[in-house]
Amino acid sequence: MKNAAPDERRKEKKMKSRLITLSAACVALFATVTIGQAQDPAANNNDRPNRWQHKRGNPMEHLTKALDLTPEQRAKIQPIFDQAKPQVMAARQEAKQKIMAIRENAMTQIRPILTPAQQQKFDALKKAREDMRKAREEMRDAMKKQ
């Protein structure tokens, strides 16, 4: 009976360690994906159509079809979209910066909870994520030069 309690404690400790490792890996993976999206320099590339056109279709075309707009109405509505675009882009950039700060704060809080071995893996994941981001930026820069 005395051996059962230490065995159970070891199992609990091992399970807790695995849970923390898995949680850290999930956070790191989530952060990798979202930071990569938040730092997408191609999203700010002015040579491309605006984001509304690229992702959701041109809102002017959508409204024209849905509401059967007249040319006069289109002429009045287009400047509204043109005025809103930089405001939307600024709000989006501000949101990205806030999200990045929140994630960095979370990572800073997670790291001390980890064992030294887990911290090394955690740091390696972070470095790999940063290296991938830099490689994407370099590739985009090279593609722009062509």
N, C-alpha and C. Protein backbone atom coordinates (compact mmCIF):
# COMPACT_ATOMS: atom_id res chain seq x y z
N MET A 1 0.81 -1.20 0.00
CA MET A 1 0.00 0.00 0.00
C MET A 1 0.86 1.27 0.00
N LYS A 2 2.01 1.21 0.71
CA LYS A 2 2.86 2.39 0.76
C LYS A 2 3.41 2.73 -0.61
N ASN A 3 3.66 1.73 -1.45
CA ASN A 3 4.19 1.95 -2.79
C ASN A 3 3.15 2.50 -3.74
N ALA A 4 1.89 2.26 -3.46
CA ALA A 4 0.82 2.72 -4.36
C ALA A 4 0.73 4.23 -4.38
N ALA A 5 0.87 4.86 -3.23
CA ALA A 5 0.76 6.32 -3.18
C ALA A 5 1.88 7.01 -3.96
N PRO A 6 3.15 6.63 -3.79
CA PRO A 6 4.20 7.28 -4.59
C PRO A 6 4.04 7.03 -6.09
N ASP A 7 3.60 5.82 -6.46
CA ASP A 7 3.37 5.54 -7.88
C ASP A 7 2.29 6.44 -8.45
N GLU A 8 1.24 6.61 -7.67
CA GLU A 8 0.14 7.46 -8.13
C GLU A 8 0.59 8.92 -8.23
N ARG A 9 1.40 9.35 -7.28
CA ARG A 9 1.92 10.72 -7.33
C ARG A 9 2.80 10.91 -8.57
N ARG A 10 3.62 9.92 -8.88
CA ARG A 10 4.46 10.01 -10.07
C ARG A 10 3.61 10.09 -11.33
N LYS A 11 2.56 9.29 -11.37
CA LYS A 11 1.67 9.32 -12.53
C LYS A 11 1.00 10.69 -12.66
N GLU A 12 0.54 11.22 -11.53
CA GLU A 12 -0.10 12.54 -11.55
C GLU A 12 0.89 13.61 -12.00
N LYS A 13 2.10 13.54 -11.48
CA LYS A 13 3.13 14.52 -11.84
C LYS A 13 3.47 14.41 -13.33
N LYS A 14 3.59 13.18 -13.81
CA LYS A 14 3.89 12.96 -15.23
C LYS A 14 2.76 13.48 -16.11
N MET A 15 1.51 13.22 -15.69
CA MET A 15 0.36 13.68 -16.46
C MET A 15 0.30 15.21 -16.46
N LYS A 16 0.58 15.81 -15.31
CA LYS A 16 0.57 17.27 -15.21
C LYS A 16 1.65 17.86 -16.11
N SER A 17 2.81 17.24 -16.11
CA SER A 17 3.91 17.70 -16.96
C SER A 17 3.53 17.61 -18.43
N ARG A 18 2.92 16.51 -18.82
CA ARG A 18 2.49 16.35 -20.21
C ARG A 18 1.42 17.39 -20.58
N LEU A 19 0.52 17.65 -19.66
CA LEU A 19 -0.54 18.63 -19.91
C LEU A 19 0.05 20.02 -20.10
N ILE A 20 1.01 20.38 -19.27
CA ILE A 20 1.66 21.68 -19.40
C ILE A 20 2.40 21.77 -20.73
N THR A 21 3.13 20.71 -21.07
CA THR A 21 3.86 20.69 -22.34
C THR A 21 2.90 20.82 -23.52
N LEU A 22 1.83 20.06 -23.48
CA LEU A 22 0.84 20.12 -24.55
C LEU A 22 0.20 21.50 -24.63
N SER A 23 -0.11 22.08 -23.47
CA SER A 23 -0.70 23.42 -23.45
C SER A 23 0.26 24.44 -24.04
N ALA A 24 1.51 24.36 -23.65
CA ALA A 24 2.51 25.31 -24.17
C ALA A 24 2.67 25.13 -25.68
N ALA A 25 2.68 23.89 -26.14
CA ALA A 25 2.80 23.64 -27.58
C ALA A 25 1.60 24.21 -28.32
N CYS A 26 0.40 24.03 -27.76
CA CYS A 26 -0.80 24.57 -28.40
C CYS A 26 -0.76 26.09 -28.45
N VAL A 27 -0.35 26.72 -27.36
CA VAL A 27 -0.25 28.18 -27.33
C VAL A 27 0.78 28.65 -28.35
N ALA A 28 1.92 27.96 -28.40
CA ALA A 28 2.96 28.35 -29.35
C ALA A 28 2.47 28.18 -30.79
N LEU A 29 1.79 27.09 -31.07
CA LEU A 29 1.26 26.87 -32.41
C LEU A 29 0.23 27.93 -32.77
N PHE A 30 -0.67 28.21 -31.85
CA PHE A 30 -1.69 29.23 -32.08
C PHE A 30 -1.04 30.58 -32.32
N ALA A 31 -0.05 30.90 -31.49
CA ALA A 31 0.65 32.18 -31.64
C ALA A 31 1.38 32.25 -32.97
N THR A 32 1.97 31.13 -33.39
CA THR A 32 2.68 31.10 -34.67
C THR A 32 1.76 31.45 -35.81
N VAL A 33 0.62 30.82 -35.83
CA VAL A 33 -0.32 31.05 -36.92
C VAL A 33 -0.84 32.47 -36.91
N THR A 34 -1.26 32.93 -35.75
CA THR A 34 -1.88 34.25 -35.70
C THR A 34 -0.88 35.38 -35.81
N ILE A 35 0.31 35.21 -35.26
CA ILE A 35 1.32 36.25 -35.43
C ILE A 35 1.73 36.33 -36.88
N GLY A 36 1.85 35.18 -37.52
CA GLY A 36 2.18 35.18 -38.95
C GLY A 36 1.14 35.93 -39.76
N GLN A 37 -0.12 35.77 -39.39
CA GLN A 37 -1.17 36.50 -40.09
C GLN A 37 -1.14 37.97 -39.74
N ALA A 38 -0.88 38.27 -38.47
CA ALA A 38 -0.87 39.67 -38.04
C ALA A 38 0.28 40.45 -38.65
N GLN A 39 1.39 39.77 -38.93
CA GLN A 39 2.56 40.45 -39.46
C GLN A 39 2.70 40.26 -40.96
N ASP A 40 1.62 39.98 -41.64
CA ASP A 40 1.65 39.73 -43.08
C ASP A 40 1.87 41.04 -43.82
N PRO A 41 3.11 41.31 -44.29
CA PRO A 41 3.35 42.57 -44.97
C PRO A 41 2.62 42.65 -46.30
N ALA A 42 2.28 41.53 -46.88
CA ALA A 42 1.56 41.56 -48.15
C ALA A 42 0.17 42.17 -47.98
N ALA A 43 -0.37 42.08 -46.75
CA ALA A 43 -1.70 42.65 -46.51
C ALA A 43 -1.68 44.17 -46.64
N ASN A 44 -0.51 44.77 -46.43
CA ASN A 44 -0.40 46.22 -46.52
C ASN A 44 0.15 46.67 -47.86
N ASN A 45 0.34 45.76 -48.78
CA ASN A 45 0.90 46.08 -50.08
C ASN A 45 -0.13 46.86 -50.89
N ASN A 46 0.20 48.09 -51.24
CA ASN A 46 -0.76 48.94 -51.95
C ASN A 46 -0.87 48.60 -53.42
N ASP A 47 0.01 47.73 -53.94
CA ASP A 47 -0.07 47.33 -55.34
C ASP A 47 -1.23 46.37 -55.59
N ARG A 48 -1.69 45.74 -54.54
CA ARG A 48 -2.78 44.77 -54.67
C ARG A 48 -4.12 45.46 -54.49
N PRO A 49 -5.20 44.79 -54.92
CA PRO A 49 -6.52 45.37 -54.65
C PRO A 49 -6.73 45.44 -53.14
N ASN A 50 -7.65 46.32 -52.74
CA ASN A 50 -7.84 46.43 -51.29
C ASN A 50 -8.37 45.13 -50.72
N ARG A 51 -8.26 45.00 -49.41
CA ARG A 51 -8.63 43.74 -48.76
C ARG A 51 -10.09 43.37 -49.00
N TRP A 52 -10.95 44.37 -49.04
CA TRP A 52 -12.36 44.07 -49.29
C TRP A 52 -12.49 43.36 -50.63
N GLN A 53 -11.82 43.86 -51.63
CA GLN A 53 -11.91 43.26 -52.95
C GLN A 53 -11.29 41.88 -52.96
N HIS A 54 -10.18 41.73 -52.27
CA HIS A 54 -9.44 40.47 -52.32
C HIS A 54 -10.16 39.36 -51.56
N LYS A 55 -10.65 39.63 -50.38
CA LYS A 55 -11.22 38.58 -49.53
C LYS A 55 -12.74 38.45 -49.65
N ARG A 56 -13.41 39.53 -49.77
CA ARG A 56 -14.87 39.48 -49.70
C ARG A 56 -15.54 39.95 -50.98
N GLY A 57 -14.77 40.21 -51.98
CA GLY A 57 -15.34 40.77 -53.18
C GLY A 57 -15.44 42.27 -53.05
N ASN A 58 -15.58 42.93 -54.12
CA ASN A 58 -15.69 44.39 -54.12
C ASN A 58 -17.04 44.77 -53.54
N PRO A 59 -17.07 45.54 -52.44
CA PRO A 59 -18.35 45.87 -51.81
C PRO A 59 -19.24 46.69 -52.74
N MET A 60 -18.61 47.49 -53.60
CA MET A 60 -19.41 48.29 -54.54
C MET A 60 -20.15 47.38 -55.52
N GLU A 61 -19.46 46.39 -56.04
CA GLU A 61 -20.11 45.44 -56.94
C GLU A 61 -21.21 44.67 -56.22
N HIS A 62 -20.92 44.27 -55.00
CA HIS A 62 -21.91 43.52 -54.23
C HIS A 62 -23.17 44.35 -54.01
N LEU A 63 -23.01 45.60 -53.59
CA LEU A 63 -24.18 46.46 -53.38
C LEU A 63 -24.91 46.75 -54.69
N THR A 64 -24.15 46.97 -55.74
CA THR A 64 -24.77 47.25 -57.04
C THR A 64 -25.67 46.10 -57.46
N LYS A 65 -25.17 44.88 -57.31
CA LYS A 65 -25.97 43.71 -57.69
C LYS A 65 -27.14 43.50 -56.74
N ALA A 66 -26.88 43.59 -55.44
CA ALA A 66 -27.91 43.29 -54.45
C ALA A 66 -29.02 44.34 -54.43
N LEU A 67 -28.65 45.62 -54.64
CA LEU A 67 -29.62 46.70 -54.52
C LEU A 67 -29.99 47.34 -55.85
N ASP A 68 -29.40 46.86 -56.91
CA ASP A 68 -29.65 47.42 -58.24
C ASP A 68 -29.42 48.94 -58.23
N LEU A 69 -28.20 49.33 -57.83
CA LEU A 69 -27.88 50.75 -57.72
C LEU A 69 -27.80 51.42 -59.09
N THR A 70 -28.21 52.66 -59.10
CA THR A 70 -28.09 53.46 -60.32
C THR A 70 -26.66 54.01 -60.39
N PRO A 71 -26.23 54.47 -61.57
CA PRO A 71 -24.90 55.07 -61.67
C PRO A 71 -24.73 56.28 -60.74
N GLU A 72 -25.79 57.04 -60.54
CA GLU A 72 -25.71 58.19 -59.64
C GLU A 72 -25.47 57.73 -58.20
N GLN A 73 -26.18 56.67 -57.79
CA GLN A 73 -26.00 56.15 -56.45
C GLN A 73 -24.58 55.60 -56.27
N ARG A 74 -24.10 54.92 -57.28
CA ARG A 74 -22.73 54.39 -57.23
C ARG A 74 -21.73 55.52 -57.07
N ALA A 75 -21.95 56.60 -57.80
CA ALA A 75 -21.03 57.74 -57.73
C ALA A 75 -21.02 58.36 -56.33
N LYS A 76 -22.13 58.31 -55.63
CA LYS A 76 -22.20 58.86 -54.27
C LYS A 76 -21.65 57.89 -53.22
N ILE A 77 -21.81 56.59 -53.48
CA ILE A 77 -21.41 55.58 -52.49
C ILE A 77 -19.91 55.30 -52.54
N GLN A 78 -19.32 55.31 -53.73
CA GLN A 78 -17.90 54.97 -53.86
C GLN A 78 -17.00 55.82 -52.98
N PRO A 79 -17.19 57.15 -52.90
CA PRO A 79 -16.33 57.94 -52.01
C PRO A 79 -16.46 57.55 -50.54
N ILE A 80 -17.62 57.04 -50.16
CA ILE A 80 -17.82 56.59 -48.78
C ILE A 80 -16.92 55.39 -48.50
N PHE A 81 -16.90 54.45 -49.45
CA PHE A 81 -16.01 53.29 -49.31
C PHE A 81 -14.55 53.75 -49.31
N ASP A 82 -14.22 54.67 -50.19
CA ASP A 82 -12.84 55.17 -50.28
C ASP A 82 -12.41 55.84 -48.98
N GLN A 83 -13.33 56.57 -48.35
CA GLN A 83 -13.03 57.23 -47.08
C GLN A 83 -12.90 56.21 -45.95
N ALA A 84 -13.70 55.18 -45.97
CA ALA A 84 -13.69 54.19 -44.89
C ALA A 84 -12.46 53.29 -44.94
N LYS A 85 -11.92 53.07 -46.12
CA LYS A 85 -10.81 52.12 -46.28
C LYS A 85 -9.63 52.42 -45.36
N PRO A 86 -9.07 53.65 -45.35
CA PRO A 86 -7.92 53.87 -44.46
C PRO A 86 -8.28 53.75 -42.99
N GLN A 87 -9.52 54.07 -42.63
CA GLN A 87 -9.94 53.93 -41.24
C GLN A 87 -9.99 52.46 -40.84
N VAL A 88 -10.50 51.64 -41.75
CA VAL A 88 -10.56 50.20 -41.49
C VAL A 88 -9.14 49.63 -41.38
N MET A 89 -8.27 50.04 -42.29
CA MET A 89 -6.89 49.55 -42.27
C MET A 89 -6.19 49.96 -40.96
N ALA A 90 -6.41 51.20 -40.52
CA ALA A 90 -5.79 51.66 -39.27
C ALA A 90 -6.33 50.88 -38.08
N ALA A 91 -7.63 50.65 -38.05
CA ALA A 91 -8.24 49.88 -36.96
C ALA A 91 -7.71 48.45 -36.96
N ARG A 92 -7.56 47.87 -38.12
CA ARG A 92 -7.04 46.51 -38.25
C ARG A 92 -5.60 46.46 -37.74
N GLN A 93 -4.78 47.43 -38.12
CA GLN A 93 -3.38 47.47 -37.67
C GLN A 93 -3.30 47.63 -36.15
N GLU A 94 -4.14 48.48 -35.59
CA GLU A 94 -4.17 48.68 -34.14
C GLU A 94 -4.57 47.39 -33.43
N ALA A 95 -5.56 46.70 -33.97
CA ALA A 95 -5.99 45.43 -33.38
C ALA A 95 -4.86 44.40 -33.44
N LYS A 96 -4.14 44.35 -34.55
CA LYS A 96 -3.02 43.41 -34.68
C LYS A 96 -1.97 43.68 -33.61
N GLN A 97 -1.66 44.95 -33.39
CA GLN A 97 -0.65 45.30 -32.40
C GLN A 97 -1.11 44.92 -30.99
N LYS A 98 -2.37 45.13 -30.69
CA LYS A 98 -2.90 44.76 -29.37
C LYS A 98 -2.86 43.24 -29.19
N ILE A 99 -3.23 42.51 -30.21
CA ILE A 99 -3.22 41.05 -30.14
C ILE A 99 -1.79 40.55 -29.92
N MET A 100 -0.84 41.12 -30.64
CA MET A 100 0.55 40.70 -30.48
C MET A 100 1.04 40.98 -29.06
N ALA A 101 0.67 42.12 -28.49
CA ALA A 101 1.08 42.45 -27.12
C ALA A 101 0.46 41.48 -26.12
N ILE A 102 -0.79 41.13 -26.31
CA ILE A 102 -1.47 40.19 -25.41
C ILE A 102 -0.80 38.82 -25.49
N ARG A 103 -0.50 38.37 -26.70
CA ARG A 103 0.15 37.06 -26.86
C ARG A 103 1.55 37.06 -26.25
N GLU A 104 2.30 38.13 -26.45
CA GLU A 104 3.64 38.21 -25.87
C GLU A 104 3.56 38.18 -24.35
N ASN A 105 2.58 38.85 -23.78
CA ASN A 105 2.37 38.83 -22.33
C ASN A 105 2.05 37.41 -21.86
N ALA A 106 1.21 36.71 -22.60
CA ALA A 106 0.86 35.34 -22.24
C ALA A 106 2.10 34.45 -22.28
N MET A 107 2.92 34.60 -23.31
CA MET A 107 4.14 33.80 -23.42
C MET A 107 5.09 34.09 -22.26
N THR A 108 5.17 35.34 -21.87
CA THR A 108 6.03 35.74 -20.76
C THR A 108 5.55 35.11 -19.45
N GLN A 109 4.25 34.96 -19.30
CA GLN A 109 3.70 34.34 -18.09
C GLN A 109 3.84 32.83 -18.11
N ILE A 110 3.79 32.23 -19.29
CA ILE A 110 3.85 30.77 -19.41
C ILE A 110 5.26 30.25 -19.13
N ARG A 111 6.27 30.94 -19.65
CA ARG A 111 7.64 30.44 -19.60
C ARG A 111 8.10 30.07 -18.18
N PRO A 112 7.88 30.90 -17.15
CA PRO A 112 8.35 30.54 -15.80
C PRO A 112 7.67 29.29 -15.23
N ILE A 113 6.54 28.93 -15.74
CA ILE A 113 5.82 27.76 -15.24
C ILE A 113 6.48 26.47 -15.72
N LEU A 114 7.19 26.55 -16.83
CA LEU A 114 7.78 25.38 -17.46
C LEU A 114 9.06 24.94 -16.75
N THR A 115 9.37 23.65 -16.91
CA THR A 115 10.64 23.13 -16.42
C THR A 115 11.75 23.66 -17.32
N PRO A 116 13.00 23.59 -16.88
CA PRO A 116 14.10 24.05 -17.75
C PRO A 116 14.10 23.36 -19.12
N ALA A 117 13.83 22.07 -19.16
CA ALA A 117 13.79 21.37 -20.45
C ALA A 117 12.64 21.89 -21.32
N GLN A 118 11.50 22.12 -20.70
CA GLN A 118 10.36 22.66 -21.44
C GLN A 118 10.64 24.08 -21.91
N GLN A 119 11.34 24.85 -21.09
CA GLN A 119 11.70 26.21 -21.48
C GLN A 119 12.58 26.20 -22.72
N GLN A 120 13.51 25.26 -22.78
CA GLN A 120 14.37 25.15 -23.96
C GLN A 120 13.53 24.85 -25.20
N LYS A 121 12.60 23.91 -25.09
CA LYS A 121 11.73 23.59 -26.22
C LYS A 121 10.86 24.78 -26.59
N PHE A 122 10.34 25.44 -25.57
CA PHE A 122 9.50 26.62 -25.76
C PHE A 122 10.26 27.70 -26.52
N ASP A 123 11.52 27.94 -26.08
CA ASP A 123 12.36 28.94 -26.74
C ASP A 123 12.67 28.53 -28.18
N ALA A 124 12.89 27.23 -28.39
CA ALA A 124 13.17 26.74 -29.74
C ALA A 124 11.95 26.93 -30.64
N LEU A 125 10.76 26.68 -30.11
CA LEU A 125 9.55 26.90 -30.89
C LEU A 125 9.41 28.37 -31.27
N LYS A 126 9.69 29.25 -30.31
CA LYS A 126 9.59 30.69 -30.57
C LYS A 126 10.60 31.11 -31.62
N LYS A 127 11.84 30.60 -31.52
CA LYS A 127 12.86 30.95 -32.50
C LYS A 127 12.49 30.43 -33.88
N ALA A 128 11.98 29.22 -33.95
CA ALA A 128 11.57 28.66 -35.24
C ALA A 128 10.46 29.50 -35.86
N ARG A 129 9.53 29.94 -35.03
CA ARG A 129 8.43 30.78 -35.51
C ARG A 129 8.98 32.10 -36.05
N GLU A 130 9.91 32.70 -35.32
CA GLU A 130 10.51 33.96 -35.77
C GLU A 130 11.31 33.77 -37.06
N ASP A 131 12.04 32.66 -37.15
CA ASP A 131 12.81 32.38 -38.36
C ASP A 131 11.89 32.20 -39.57
N MET A 132 10.77 31.52 -39.37
CA MET A 132 9.81 31.33 -40.47
C MET A 132 9.22 32.67 -40.90
N ARG A 133 8.92 33.52 -39.95
CA ARG A 133 8.38 34.84 -40.28
C ARG A 133 9.39 35.64 -41.08
N LYS A 134 10.65 35.62 -40.65
CA LYS A 134 11.69 36.35 -41.38
C LYS A 134 11.87 35.79 -42.78
N ALA A 135 11.83 34.47 -42.91
CA ALA A 135 11.98 33.85 -44.23
C ALA A 135 10.83 34.26 -45.15
N ARG A 136 9.61 34.31 -44.61
CA ARG A 136 8.46 34.74 -45.42
C ARG A 136 8.64 36.18 -45.87
N GLU A 137 9.11 37.03 -44.96
CA GLU A 137 9.33 38.44 -45.31
C GLU A 137 10.39 38.57 -46.40
N GLU A 138 11.48 37.81 -46.27
CA GLU A 138 12.54 37.87 -47.28
C GLU A 138 12.02 37.38 -48.63
N MET A 139 11.21 36.34 -48.61
CA MET A 139 10.66 35.82 -49.86
C MET A 139 9.73 36.84 -50.50
N ARG A 140 8.90 37.48 -49.70
CA ARG A 140 8.00 38.51 -50.25
C ARG A 140 8.79 39.68 -50.83
N ASP A 141 9.87 40.07 -50.12
CA ASP A 141 10.70 41.16 -50.63
C ASP A 141 11.35 40.77 -51.95
N ALA A 142 11.81 39.53 -52.04
CA ALA A 142 12.44 39.07 -53.28
C ALA A 142 11.42 39.02 -54.41
N MET A 143 10.19 38.63 -54.10
CA MET A 143 9.14 38.56 -55.13
C MET A 143 8.77 39.96 -55.61
N LYS A 144 8.81 40.94 -54.72
CA LYS A 144 8.49 42.32 -55.11
C LYS A 144 9.53 42.87 -56.08
N LYS A 145 10.78 42.47 -55.91
CA LYS A 145 11.87 42.98 -56.74
C LYS A 145 11.82 42.42 -58.16
N GLN A 146 11.14 41.31 -58.35
CA GLN A 146 11.09 40.69 -59.68
C GLN A 146 10.16 41.40 -60.61
